[in-house]
PDB file of N, CA and C in Angstrom:
ATOM      1  N   UNK A   1     -26.689 -11.072 -55.726  1.00  0.00           N
ATOM      2  CA  UNK A   1     -25.553 -10.253 -56.146  1.00  0.00           C
ATOM      3  C   UNK A   1     -24.573  -9.069 -54.966  1.00  0.00           C
ATOM      4  N   UNK A   2     -25.820  -8.477 -54.560  1.00  0.00           N
ATOM      5  CA  UNK A   2     -25.095  -7.342 -53.726  1.00  0.00           C
ATOM      6  C   UNK A   2     -24.866  -7.557 -52.243  1.00  0.00           C
ATOM      7  N   UNK A   3     -25.348  -8.895 -51.726  1.00  0.00           N
ATOM      8  CA  UNK A   3     -24.877  -9.375 -50.358  1.00  0.00           C
ATOM      9  C   UNK A   3     -24.025  -9.995 -50.666  1.00  0.00           C
ATOM     10  N   UNK A   4     -23.965 -11.213 -51.473  1.00  0.00           N
ATOM     11  CA  UNK A   4     -22.712 -11.072 -51.729  1.00  0.00           C
ATOM     12  C   UNK A   4     -20.950 -10.452 -51.875  1.00  0.00           C
ATOM     13  N   UNK A   5     -21.620  -9.404 -52.777  1.00  0.00           N
ATOM     14  CA  UNK A   5     -20.234  -8.078 -52.675  1.00  0.00           C
ATOM     15  C   UNK A   5     -19.960  -7.770 -51.096  1.00  0.00           C
ATOM     16  N   UNK A   6     -21.489  -7.469 -50.272  1.00  0.00           N
ATOM     17  CA  UNK A   6     -21.325  -6.768 -48.785  1.00  0.00           C
ATOM     18  C   UNK A   6     -20.789  -8.342 -48.274  1.00  0.00           C
ATOM     19  N   UNK A   7     -20.992  -9.674 -48.491  1.00  0.00           N
ATOM     20  CA  UNK A   7     -20.047 -10.219 -47.002  1.00  0.00           C
ATOM     21  C   UNK A   7     -18.808 -10.517 -47.973  1.00  0.00           C
ATOM     22  N   UNK A   8     -18.253 -10.402 -49.090  1.00  0.00           N
ATOM     23  CA  UNK A   8     -16.603 -10.314 -49.459  1.00  0.00           C
ATOM     24  C   UNK A   8     -16.571  -8.881 -48.707  1.00  0.00           C
ATOM     25  N   UNK A   9     -17.091  -7.841 -49.131  1.00  0.00           N
ATOM     26  CA  UNK A   9     -16.450  -6.183 -47.983  1.00  0.00           C
ATOM     27  C   UNK A   9     -16.315  -6.487 -46.457  1.00  0.00           C
ATOM     28  N   UNK A  10     -16.795  -7.174 -46.314  1.00  0.00           N
ATOM     29  CA  UNK A  10     -16.896  -7.691 -44.695  1.00  0.00           C
ATOM     30  C   UNK A  10     -15.869  -8.415 -44.505  1.00  0.00           C
ATOM     31  N   UNK A  11     -15.352  -9.557 -45.278  1.00  0.00           N
ATOM     32  CA  UNK A  11     -14.530 -10.594 -44.787  1.00  0.00           C
ATOM     33  C   UNK A  11     -13.007  -9.948 -45.324  1.00  0.00           C
ATOM     34  N   UNK A  12     -12.667  -9.372 -46.460  1.00  0.00           N
ATOM     35  CA  UNK A  12     -11.742  -8.215 -46.770  1.00  0.00           C
ATOM     36  C   UNK A  12     -11.650  -6.831 -46.159  1.00  0.00           C
ATOM     37  N   UNK A  13     -13.001  -6.348 -45.042  1.00  0.00           N
ATOM     38  CA  UNK A  13     -12.273  -5.813 -43.918  1.00  0.00           C
ATOM     39  C   UNK A  13     -11.026  -6.203 -42.782  1.00  0.00           C
ATOM     40  N   UNK A  14     -12.102  -7.167 -42.399  1.00  0.00           N
ATOM     41  CA  UNK A  14     -12.248  -8.308 -41.232  1.00  0.00           C
ATOM     42  C   UNK A  14     -10.614  -7.969 -41.209  1.00  0.00           C
ATOM     43  N   UNK A  15     -10.000  -8.486 -42.089  1.00  0.00           N
ATOM     44  CA  UNK A  15      -8.896  -9.403 -42.893  1.00  0.00           C
ATOM     45  C   UNK A  15      -8.007  -8.524 -42.308  1.00  0.00           C
ATOM     46  N   UNK A  16      -8.485  -7.361 -43.285  1.00  0.00           N
ATOM     47  CA  UNK A  16      -7.237  -6.232 -43.048  1.00  0.00           C
ATOM     48  C   UNK A  16      -6.768  -5.324 -41.127  1.00  0.00           C
ATOM     49  N   UNK A  17      -8.035  -5.638 -40.840  1.00  0.00           N
ATOM     50  CA  UNK A  17      -8.074  -4.757 -39.571  1.00  0.00           C
ATOM     51  C   UNK A  17      -7.122  -5.759 -38.844  1.00  0.00           C
ATOM     52  N   UNK A  18      -7.327  -7.480 -39.084  1.00  0.00           N
ATOM     53  CA  UNK A  18      -6.301  -8.448 -38.039  1.00  0.00           C
ATOM     54  C   UNK A  18      -5.481  -8.341 -38.522  1.00  0.00           C
ATOM     55  N   UNK A  19      -4.743  -7.302 -39.815  1.00  0.00           N
ATOM     56  CA  UNK A  19      -3.329  -7.877 -40.326  1.00  0.00           C
ATOM     57  C   UNK A  19      -2.254  -6.851 -39.742  1.00  0.00           C
ATOM     58  N   UNK A  20      -3.677  -5.477 -39.162  1.00  0.00           N
ATOM     59  CA  UNK A  20      -3.488  -3.920 -39.034  1.00  0.00           C
ATOM     60  C   UNK A  20      -1.655  -4.399 -37.660  1.00  0.00           C
ATOM     61  N   UNK A  21      -0.702  -3.433 -37.772  1.00  0.00           N
ATOM     62  CA  UNK A  21       0.070  -3.757 -36.038  1.00  0.00           C
ATOM     63  C   UNK A  21      -0.832  -3.146 -35.218  1.00  0.00           C
ATOM     64  N   UNK A  22      -0.805  -3.594 -34.394  1.00  0.00           N
ATOM     65  CA  UNK A  22      -2.333  -3.989 -32.720  1.00  0.00           C
ATOM     66  C   UNK A  22      -0.965  -2.603 -31.851  1.00  0.00           C
ATOM     67  N   UNK A  23      -1.682  -1.280 -31.635  1.00  0.00           N
ATOM     68  CA  UNK A  23      -1.373  -0.388 -31.179  1.00  0.00           C
ATOM     69  C   UNK A  23      -2.235  -0.316 -29.286  1.00  0.00           C
ATOM     70  N   UNK A  24      -1.495   0.117 -28.769  1.00  0.00           N
ATOM     71  CA  UNK A  24      -2.615   0.465 -27.600  1.00  0.00           C
ATOM     72  C   UNK A  24      -2.835   1.213 -27.508  1.00  0.00           C
ATOM     73  N   UNK A  25      -4.515   0.724 -26.555  1.00  0.00           N
ATOM     74  CA  UNK A  25      -5.402   1.676 -26.136  1.00  0.00           C
ATOM     75  C   UNK A  25      -5.041   2.497 -25.449  1.00  0.00           C
ATOM     76  N   UNK A  26      -5.096   4.460 -25.930  1.00  0.00           N
ATOM     77  CA  UNK A  26      -5.129   5.094 -24.793  1.00  0.00           C
ATOM     78  C   UNK A  26      -4.867   5.192 -23.686  1.00  0.00           C
ATOM     79  N   UNK A  27      -3.881   5.333 -23.349  1.00  0.00           N
ATOM     80  CA  UNK A  27      -3.556   5.289 -21.600  1.00  0.00           C
ATOM     81  C   UNK A  27      -3.395   4.050 -21.142  1.00  0.00           C
ATOM     82  N   UNK A  28      -3.471   3.617 -21.484  1.00  0.00           N
ATOM     83  CA  UNK A  28      -3.326   1.460 -21.545  1.00  0.00           C
ATOM     84  C   UNK A  28      -2.070   0.858 -21.401  1.00  0.00           C
ATOM     85  N   UNK A  29      -1.790  -0.114 -21.047  1.00  0.00           N
ATOM     86  CA  UNK A  29      -0.035  -0.549 -20.703  1.00  0.00           C
ATOM     87  C   UNK A  29       0.254  -1.088 -22.347  1.00  0.00           C
ATOM     88  N   UNK A  30       1.017  -0.667 -22.484  1.00  0.00           N
ATOM     89  CA  UNK A  30       1.431  -2.223 -23.622  1.00  0.00           C
ATOM     90  C   UNK A  30       1.857  -3.458 -23.060  1.00  0.00           C
ATOM     91  N   UNK A  31       2.459  -3.965 -24.270  1.00  0.00           N
ATOM     92  CA  UNK A  31       2.756  -5.299 -23.878  1.00  0.00           C
ATOM     93  C   UNK A  31       4.384  -5.412 -23.037  1.00  0.00           C
ATOM     94  N   UNK A  32       4.596  -6.171 -22.107  1.00  0.00           N
ATOM     95  CA  UNK A  32       5.640  -6.483 -21.963  1.00  0.00           C
ATOM     96  C   UNK A  32       6.918  -6.918 -23.005  1.00  0.00           C
ATOM     97  N   UNK A  33       7.921  -6.326 -22.695  1.00  0.00           N
ATOM     98  CA  UNK A  33       9.084  -6.105 -23.519  1.00  0.00           C
ATOM     99  C   UNK A  33      10.330  -6.636 -23.153  1.00  0.00           C
ATOM    100  N   UNK A  34      11.299  -6.988 -23.895  1.00  0.00           N
ATOM    101  CA  UNK A  34      12.588  -7.319 -23.128  1.00  0.00           C
ATOM    102  C   UNK A  34      13.069  -5.692 -23.154  1.00  0.00           C
ATOM    103  N   UNK A  35      14.339  -5.857 -21.853  1.00  0.00           N
ATOM    104  CA  UNK A  35      14.460  -4.520 -21.199  1.00  0.00           C
ATOM    105  C   UNK A  35      15.675  -4.186 -22.330  1.00  0.00           C
ATOM    106  N   UNK A  36      15.765  -2.771 -22.608  1.00  0.00           N
ATOM    107  CA  UNK A  36      16.934  -2.650 -23.243  1.00  0.00           C
ATOM    108  C   UNK A  36      18.277  -2.066 -22.901  1.00  0.00           C
ATOM    109  N   UNK A  37      18.846  -1.459 -23.382  1.00  0.00           N
ATOM    110  CA  UNK A  37      20.188  -0.319 -22.859  1.00  0.00           C
ATOM    111  C   UNK A  37      19.302   1.037 -22.325  1.00  0.00           C
ATOM    112  N   UNK A  38      18.429   1.264 -22.364  1.00  0.00           N
ATOM    113  CA  UNK A  38      17.555   2.723 -22.175  1.00  0.00           C
ATOM    114  C   UNK A  38      17.024   2.461 -20.857  1.00  0.00           C
ATOM    115  N   UNK A  39      16.466   1.027 -20.739  1.00  0.00           N
ATOM    116  CA  UNK A  39      15.589   0.634 -19.186  1.00  0.00           C
ATOM    117  C   UNK A  39      16.606   0.464 -18.402  1.00  0.00           C
ATOM    118  N   UNK A  40      17.269  -0.053 -18.808  1.00  0.00           N
ATOM    119  CA  UNK A  40      18.416  -0.952 -17.796  1.00  0.00           C
ATOM    120  C   UNK A  40      19.504   0.761 -17.035  1.00  0.00           C
ATOM    121  N   UNK A  41      19.371   2.040 -17.742  1.00  0.00           N
ATOM    122  CA  UNK A  41      19.615   3.039 -17.619  1.00  0.00           C
ATOM    123  C   UNK A  41      18.959   3.799 -16.662  1.00  0.00           C
ATOM    124  N   UNK A  42      17.926   3.681 -16.899  1.00  0.00           N
ATOM    125  CA  UNK A  42      17.042   4.556 -15.677  1.00  0.00           C
ATOM    126  C   UNK A  42      16.989   3.165 -14.674  1.00  0.00           C
ATOM    127  N   UNK A  43      17.113   1.904 -14.690  1.00  0.00           N
ATOM    128  CA  UNK A  43      16.792   0.858 -13.324  1.00  0.00           C
ATOM    129  C   UNK A  43      18.493   1.404 -12.452  1.00  0.00           C
ATOM    130  N   UNK A  44      19.480   1.543 -13.370  1.00  0.00           N
ATOM    131  CA  UNK A  44      20.303   2.201 -12.693  1.00  0.00           C
ATOM    132  C   UNK A  44      20.662   3.787 -11.945  1.00  0.00           C
ATOM    133  N   UNK A  45      19.817   4.493 -12.398  1.00  0.00           N
ATOM    134  CA  UNK A  45      20.021   5.685 -12.202  1.00  0.00           C
ATOM    135  C   UNK A  45      18.954   5.973 -11.157  1.00  0.00           C
ATOM    136  N   UNK A  46      17.797   5.125 -10.684  1.00  0.00           N
ATOM    137  CA  UNK A  46      16.945   4.901  -9.848  1.00  0.00           C
ATOM    138  C   UNK A  46      17.293   4.157  -8.374  1.00  0.00           C
ATOM    139  N   UNK A  47      18.357   2.833  -8.982  1.00  0.00           N
ATOM    140  CA  UNK A  47      18.983   2.357  -7.720  1.00  0.00           C
ATOM    141  C   UNK A  47      19.329   2.254  -6.525  1.00  0.00           C
ATOM    142  N   UNK A  48      19.717   3.192  -5.876  1.00  0.00           N
ATOM    143  CA  UNK A  48      20.135   4.274  -5.106  1.00  0.00           C
ATOM    144  C   UNK A  48      18.682   4.726  -3.938  1.00  0.00           C
ATOM    145  N   UNK A  49      17.908   4.800  -5.298  1.00  0.00           N
ATOM    146  CA  UNK A  49      16.609   5.577  -4.234  1.00  0.00           C
ATOM    147  C   UNK A  49      15.741   4.250  -3.919  1.00  0.00           C
ATOM    148  N   UNK A  50      15.987   3.345  -4.567  1.00  0.00           N
ATOM    149  CA  UNK A  50      15.401   2.110  -4.882  1.00  0.00           C
ATOM    150  C   UNK A  50      15.563   0.949  -3.709  1.00  0.00           C
ATOM    151  N   UNK A  51      16.758   1.441  -3.432  1.00  0.00           N
ATOM    152  CA  UNK A  51      18.067   0.389  -1.752  1.00  0.00           C
ATOM    153  C   UNK A  51      17.367   0.911  -0.552  1.00  0.00           C
ATOM    154  N   UNK A  52      17.275   2.104  -0.686  1.00  0.00           N
ATOM    155  CA  UNK A  52      17.724   3.575   0.500  1.00  0.00           C
ATOM    156  C   UNK A  52      15.693   2.828   0.505  1.00  0.00           C
ATOM    157  N   UNK A  53      14.590   2.869  -0.046  1.00  0.00           N
ATOM    158  CA  UNK A  53      13.765   2.886   0.193  1.00  0.00           C
ATOM    159  C   UNK A  53      13.246   1.226   0.813  1.00  0.00           C
ATOM    160  N   UNK A  54      14.006   0.505   0.110  1.00  0.00           N
ATOM    161  CA  UNK A  54      13.488  -1.382   0.715  1.00  0.00           C
ATOM    162  C   UNK A  54      14.791  -1.527   1.624  1.00  0.00           C
ATOM    163  N   UNK A  55      15.847  -0.774   2.438  1.00  0.00           N
ATOM    164  CA  UNK A  55      16.568  -1.040   3.366  1.00  0.00           C
ATOM    165  C   UNK A  55      17.596  -1.740   2.575  1.00  0.00           C
ATOM    166  N   UNK A  56      17.253  -2.455   1.255  1.00  0.00           N
ATOM    167  CA  UNK A  56      18.593  -3.456   0.736  1.00  0.00           C
ATOM    168  C   UNK A  56      19.064  -2.647  -0.082  1.00  0.00           C
ATOM    169  N   UNK A  57      20.654  -4.016  -0.074  1.00  0.00           N
ATOM    170  CA  UNK A  57      21.817  -3.517  -0.522  1.00  0.00           C
ATOM    171  C   UNK A  57      21.167  -4.721  -1.543  1.00  0.00           C
ATOM    172  N   UNK A  58      21.345  -4.507  -3.341  1.00  0.00           N
ATOM    173  CA  UNK A  58      21.306  -5.628  -4.201  1.00  0.00           C
ATOM    174  C   UNK A  58      22.801  -5.810  -5.044  1.00  0.00           C
ATOM    175  N   UNK A  59      22.997  -7.339  -5.350  1.00  0.00           N
ATOM    176  CA  UNK A  59      24.384  -7.406  -5.361  1.00  0.00           C
ATOM    177  C   UNK A  59      23.768  -7.619  -7.196  1.00  0.00           C
ATOM    178  N   UNK A  60      23.347  -7.299  -7.688  1.00  0.00           N
ATOM    179  CA  UNK A  60      22.751  -7.438  -9.168  1.00  0.00           C
ATOM    180  C   UNK A  60      21.760  -6.458  -9.213  1.00  0.00           C
ATOM    181  N   UNK A  61      21.421  -5.497 -10.571  1.00  0.00           N
ATOM    182  CA  UNK A  61      20.402  -4.546 -10.708  1.00  0.00           C
ATOM    183  C   UNK A  61      20.100  -4.432 -11.978  1.00  0.00           C
ATOM    184  N   UNK A  62      19.755  -5.610 -12.423  1.00  0.00           N
ATOM    185  CA  UNK A  62      19.133  -5.939 -13.770  1.00  0.00           C
ATOM    186  C   UNK A  62      17.730  -5.800 -14.378  1.00  0.00           C
ATOM    187  N   UNK A  63      17.759  -4.643 -15.492  1.00  0.00           N
ATOM    188  CA  UNK A  63      15.888  -5.059 -16.099  1.00  0.00           C
ATOM    189  C   UNK A  63      16.277  -6.022 -16.908  1.00  0.00           C
ATOM    190  N   UNK A  64      14.516  -7.144 -16.706  1.00  0.00           N
ATOM    191  CA  UNK A  64      14.465  -8.045 -17.427  1.00  0.00           C
ATOM    192  C   UNK A  64      13.740  -7.754 -18.506  1.00  0.00           C
ATOM    193  N   UNK A  65      12.176  -7.151 -18.247  1.00  0.00           N
ATOM    194  CA  UNK A  65      11.028  -6.225 -19.156  1.00  0.00           C
ATOM    195  C   UNK A  65      10.505  -5.727 -18.799  1.00  0.00           C
ATOM    196  N   UNK A  66       9.879  -5.169 -19.116  1.00  0.00           N
ATOM    197  CA  UNK A  66       8.998  -3.118 -18.701  1.00  0.00           C
ATOM    198  C   UNK A  66       7.704  -3.264 -19.537  1.00  0.00           C
ATOM    199  N   UNK A  67       7.173  -2.556 -19.266  1.00  0.00           N
ATOM    200  CA  UNK A  67       6.274  -2.531 -20.317  1.00  0.00           C
ATOM    201  C   UNK A  67       6.485  -0.176 -19.819  1.00  0.00           C
ATOM    202  N   UNK A  68       5.268   0.268 -21.089  1.00  0.00           N
ATOM    203  CA  UNK A  68       4.905   1.328 -20.992  1.00  0.00           C
ATOM    204  C   UNK A  68       3.034   2.051 -20.955  1.00  0.00           C
ATOM    205  N   UNK A  69       3.576   3.165 -20.480  1.00  0.00           N
ATOM    206  CA  UNK A  69       2.002   3.912 -20.960  1.00  0.00           C
ATOM    207  C   UNK A  69       1.669   4.971 -21.115  1.00  0.00           C
ATOM    208  N   UNK A  70       1.378   5.763 -21.861  1.00  0.00           N
ATOM    209  CA  UNK A  70       1.270   7.367 -22.456  1.00  0.00           C
ATOM    210  C   UNK A  70       0.347   7.451 -21.859  1.00  0.00           C
ATOM    211  N   UNK A  71       0.559   8.835 -20.468  1.00  0.00           N
ATOM    212  CA  UNK A  71      -0.071   9.492 -19.957  1.00  0.00           C
ATOM    213  C   UNK A  71       0.673  10.984 -20.040  1.00  0.00           C
ATOM    214  N   UNK A  72       0.322  12.481 -19.726  1.00  0.00           N
ATOM    215  CA  UNK A  72       1.139  13.380 -19.232  1.00  0.00           C
ATOM    216  C   UNK A  72       2.488  12.762 -19.084  1.00  0.00           C
ATOM    217  N   UNK A  73       3.062  12.478 -20.272  1.00  0.00           N
ATOM    218  CA  UNK A  73       4.386  11.864 -20.131  1.00  0.00           C
ATOM    219  C   UNK A  73       4.577  10.112 -20.673  1.00  0.00           C
ATOM    220  N   UNK A  74       5.697   9.636 -19.322  1.00  0.00           N
ATOM    221  CA  UNK A  74       5.128   7.856 -19.385  1.00  0.00           C
ATOM    222  C   UNK A  74       5.669   7.298 -18.847  1.00  0.00           C
ATOM    223  N   UNK A  75       4.848   6.331 -17.534  1.00  0.00           N
ATOM    224  CA  UNK A  75       4.699   5.528 -17.222  1.00  0.00           C
ATOM    225  C   UNK A  75       5.721   4.394 -17.556  1.00  0.00           C
ATOM    226  N   UNK A  76       6.262   4.217 -16.546  1.00  0.00           N
ATOM    227  CA  UNK A  76       7.289   2.479 -16.814  1.00  0.00           C
ATOM    228  C   UNK A  76       6.386   1.619 -15.314  1.00  0.00           C
ATOM    229  N   UNK A  77       6.609   0.193 -16.115  1.00  0.00           N
ATOM    230  CA  UNK A  77       6.913  -0.936 -15.122  1.00  0.00           C
ATOM    231  C   UNK A  77       7.458  -1.244 -15.806  1.00  0.00           C
ATOM    232  N   UNK A  78       8.604  -2.434 -14.393  1.00  0.00           N
ATOM    233  CA  UNK A  78      10.014  -2.856 -14.753  1.00  0.00           C
ATOM    234  C   UNK A  78      10.291  -3.716 -14.010  1.00  0.00           C
ATOM    235  N   UNK A  79      10.647  -5.033 -14.514  1.00  0.00           N
ATOM    236  CA  UNK A  79      11.134  -6.198 -13.593  1.00  0.00           C
ATOM    237  C   UNK A  79      12.372  -6.135 -13.327  1.00  0.00           C
ATOM    238  N   UNK A  80      12.660  -6.231 -11.816  1.00  0.00           N
ATOM    239  CA  UNK A  80      14.814  -5.459 -12.114  1.00  0.00           C
ATOM    240  C   UNK A  80      14.324  -7.482 -11.406  1.00  0.00           C
ATOM    241  N   UNK A  81      15.984  -8.266 -11.847  1.00  0.00           N
ATOM    242  CA  UNK A  81      16.371  -8.743 -11.057  1.00  0.00           C
ATOM    243  C   UNK A  81      17.806  -8.623 -10.332  1.00  0.00           C
ATOM    244  N   UNK A  82      17.513  -8.922  -9.305  1.00  0.00           N
ATOM    245  CA  UNK A  82      18.110  -7.991  -7.785  1.00  0.00           C
ATOM    246  C   UNK A  82      19.404  -8.934  -7.436  1.00  0.00           C
ATOM    247  N   UNK A  83      19.361 -10.194  -7.942  1.00  0.00           N
ATOM    248  CA  UNK A  83      21.097 -10.876  -7.451  1.00  0.00           C
ATOM    249  C   UNK A  83      19.702 -11.383  -6.312  1.00  0.00           C
ATOM    250  N   UNK A  84      20.630 -12.946  -5.694  1.00  0.00           N
ATOM    251  CA  UNK A  84      20.294 -13.975  -4.868  1.00  0.00           C
ATOM    252  C   UNK A  84      19.012 -14.483  -4.262  1.00  0.00           C
ATOM    253  N   UNK A  85      18.023 -14.411  -6.092  1.00  0.00           N
ATOM    254  CA  UNK A  85      16.956 -14.721  -6.076  1.00  0.00           C
ATOM    255  C   UNK A  85      15.780 -13.922  -5.769  1.00  0.00           C
ATOM    256  N   UNK A  86      15.947 -11.994  -5.514  1.00  0.00           N
ATOM    257  CA  UNK A  86      14.907 -11.368  -6.077  1.00  0.00           C
ATOM    258  C   UNK A  86      14.283 -10.674  -7.290  1.00  0.00           C
ATOM    259  N   UNK A  87      13.453 -10.073  -6.852  1.00  0.00           N
ATOM    260  CA  UNK A  87      12.714  -9.532  -8.530  1.00  0.00           C
ATOM    261  C   UNK A  87      12.359  -8.578  -8.061  1.00  0.00           C
ATOM    262  N   UNK A  88      12.748  -7.271  -8.429  1.00  0.00           N
ATOM    263  CA  UNK A  88      11.687  -5.439  -8.249  1.00  0.00           C
ATOM    264  C   UNK A  88      11.084  -5.677  -9.227  1.00  0.00           C
ATOM    265  N   UNK A  89       9.833  -5.516  -8.943  1.00  0.00           N
ATOM    266  CA  UNK A  89       8.984  -4.512  -9.075  1.00  0.00           C
ATOM    267  C   UNK A  89       8.898  -2.957  -9.312  1.00  0.00           C
ATOM    268  N   UNK A  90       9.535  -2.239 -10.347  1.00  0.00           N
ATOM    269  CA  UNK A  90       9.334  -0.789  -9.710  1.00  0.00           C
ATOM    270  C   UNK A  90       8.845   0.395 -11.073  1.00  0.00           C
ATOM    271  N   UNK A  91       7.986   1.292 -10.405  1.00  0.00           N
ATOM    272  CA  UNK A  91       6.662   1.703 -11.233  1.00  0.00           C
ATOM    273  C   UNK A  91       6.925   3.050 -11.380  1.00  0.00           C
ATOM    274  N   UNK A  92       7.733   3.456 -12.559  1.00  0.00           N
ATOM    275  CA  UNK A  92       8.675   4.957 -12.451  1.00  0.00           C
ATOM    276  C   UNK A  92       8.084   5.538 -13.383  1.00  0.00           C
ATOM    277  N   UNK A  93       8.014   6.952 -13.047  1.00  0.00           N
ATOM    278  CA  UNK A  93       7.382   8.169 -13.896  1.00  0.00           C
ATOM    279  C   UNK A  93       8.466   9.451 -14.500  1.00  0.00           C
ATOM    280  N   UNK A  94       8.177   8.966 -15.711  1.00  0.00           N
ATOM    281  CA  UNK A  94       9.643  10.332 -17.048  1.00  0.00           C
ATOM    282  C   UNK A  94       8.415  11.424 -16.789  1.00  0.00           C
ATOM    283  N   UNK A  95       8.421  12.673 -16.267  1.00  0.00           N
ATOM    284  CA  UNK A  95       7.584  13.566 -17.085  1.00  0.00           C
ATOM    285  C   UNK A  95       7.926  14.331 -18.406  1.00  0.00           C
ATOM    286  N   UNK A  96       7.436  15.546 -18.749  1.00  0.00           N
ATOM    287  CA  UNK A  96       7.248  15.671 -19.803  1.00  0.00           C
ATOM    288  C   UNK A  96       8.639  16.886 -20.000  1.00  0.00           C
ATOM    289  N   UNK A  97       9.685  17.051 -19.504  1.00  0.00           N
ATOM    290  CA  UNK A  97      10.555  17.646 -18.769  1.00  0.00           C
ATOM    291  C   UNK A  97      11.753  16.077 -19.088  1.00  0.00           C
ATOM    292  N   UNK A  98      11.959  15.041 -19.157  1.00  0.00           N
ATOM    293  CA  UNK A  98      12.181  14.077 -18.978  1.00  0.00           C
ATOM    294  C   UNK A  98      13.018  14.185 -17.568  1.00  0.00           C
ATOM    295  N   UNK A  99      12.152  13.910 -16.519  1.00  0.00           N
ATOM    296  CA  UNK A  99      12.747  13.439 -15.634  1.00  0.00           C
ATOM    297  C   UNK A  99      12.102  12.596 -14.668  1.00  0.00           C
ATOM    298  N   UNK A 100      12.950  11.334 -14.804  1.00  0.00           N
ATOM    299  CA  UNK A 100      12.428  10.128 -13.684  1.00  0.00           C
ATOM    300  C   UNK A 100      11.897  10.205 -12.105  1.00  0.00           C
ATOM    301  N   UNK A 101      10.612   9.799 -12.332  1.00  0.00           N
ATOM    302  CA  UNK A 101      10.766   9.868 -10.786  1.00  0.00           C
ATOM    303  C   UNK A 101      10.405   8.395  -9.852  1.00  0.00           C
ATOM    304  N   UNK A 102      10.689   7.601  -9.058  1.00  0.00           N
ATOM    305  CA  UNK A 102      10.034   6.191  -8.812  1.00  0.00           C
ATOM    306  C   UNK A 102       9.102   6.581  -8.113  1.00  0.00           C
ATOM    307  N   UNK A 103       7.619   5.852  -7.810  1.00  0.00           N
ATOM    308  CA  UNK A 103       6.538   5.824  -8.110  1.00  0.00           C
ATOM    309  C   UNK A 103       5.817   4.973  -7.281  1.00  0.00           C
ATOM    310  N   UNK A 104       6.404   3.846  -7.307  1.00  0.00           N
ATOM    311  CA  UNK A 104       6.290   2.431  -6.600  1.00  0.00           C
ATOM    312  C   UNK A 104       7.087   1.506  -6.475  1.00  0.00           C
ATOM    313  N   UNK A 105       7.327   0.841  -5.758  1.00  0.00           N
ATOM    314  CA  UNK A 105       8.377  -0.069  -5.547  1.00  0.00           C
ATOM    315  C   UNK A 105       7.770  -1.492  -4.885  1.00  0.00           C
ATOM    316  N   UNK A 106       8.589  -2.622  -5.156  1.00  0.00           N
ATOM    317  CA  UNK A 106       8.431  -3.497  -3.949  1.00  0.00           C
ATOM    318  C   UNK A 106       9.534  -5.160  -4.594  1.00  0.00           C
ATOM    319  N   UNK A 107       9.328  -5.711  -3.447  1.00  0.00           N
ATOM    320  CA  UNK A 107      10.435  -6.674  -3.983  1.00  0.00           C
ATOM    321  C   UNK A 107      10.304  -8.085  -3.368  1.00  0.00           C
ATOM    322  N   UNK A 108      10.377  -9.039  -4.560  1.00  0.00           N
ATOM    323  CA  UNK A 108       9.267 -10.378  -4.704  1.00  0.00           C
ATOM    324  C   UNK A 108      10.621 -11.164  -4.403  1.00  0.00           C
ATOM    325  N   UNK A 109      10.592 -12.173  -3.633  1.00  0.00           N
ATOM    326  CA  UNK A 109      11.262 -13.248  -2.673  1.00  0.00           C
ATOM    327  C   UNK A 109      11.465 -13.977  -4.430  1.00  0.00           C
ATOM    328  N   UNK A 110      12.127 -14.748  -4.395  1.00  0.00           N
ATOM    329  CA  UNK A 110      12.288 -15.895  -5.968  1.00  0.00           C
ATOM    330  C   UNK A 110      12.829 -17.072  -5.605  1.00  0.00           C
ATOM    331  N   UNK A 111      12.453 -18.598  -5.062  1.00  0.00           N
ATOM    332  CA  UNK A 111      12.687 -19.358  -4.775  1.00  0.00           C
ATOM    333  C   UNK A 111      13.526 -20.218  -5.603  1.00  0.00           C
ATOM    334  N   UNK A 112      14.830 -20.518  -6.011  1.00  0.00           N
ATOM    335  CA  UNK A 112      15.678 -21.009  -6.423  1.00  0.00           C
ATOM    336  C   UNK A 112      15.534 -21.064  -8.147  1.00  0.00           C
ATOM    337  N   UNK A 113      15.156 -19.345  -8.332  1.00  0.00           N
ATOM    338  CA  UNK A 113      15.177 -18.920  -9.411  1.00  0.00           C
ATOM    339  C   UNK A 113      16.685 -18.162 -10.170  1.00  0.00           C
ATOM    340  N   UNK A 114      17.251 -18.805 -11.760  1.00  0.00           N
ATOM    341  CA  UNK A 114      18.185 -19.018 -12.080  1.00  0.00           C
ATOM    342  C   UNK A 114      18.627 -18.246 -13.345  1.00  0.00           C
ATOM    343  N   UNK A 115      19.429 -16.664 -13.302  1.00  0.00           N
ATOM    344  CA  UNK A 115      19.268 -16.075 -13.962  1.00  0.00           C
ATOM    345  C   UNK A 115      20.447 -15.830 -14.724  1.00  0.00           C
TER     346      UNK A 115
END
């Protein structure tokens, strides 16, 4: 009887654990999410710096998706459509004073991409 109760308890606890919302591991990256107005504002703010670092002027600069990582502040990985079949990958750090800084950027050509 006790073993059946223990088995039932394990099954119930497992079901509860599986249905709980998934919280990213401390220091880990979140799932990719669709970009929102706030993420696009970050991109627009940093667009001049991105263009200067890459030596290019982009016809468009629209965030597509992003991830976040909680550190002593917040890191963002953002995929940005930059027009003419180009994808910019940028990493941005927001410190505790809410100041944004570009920490990494690269451009990837996208052959025949239609956005």
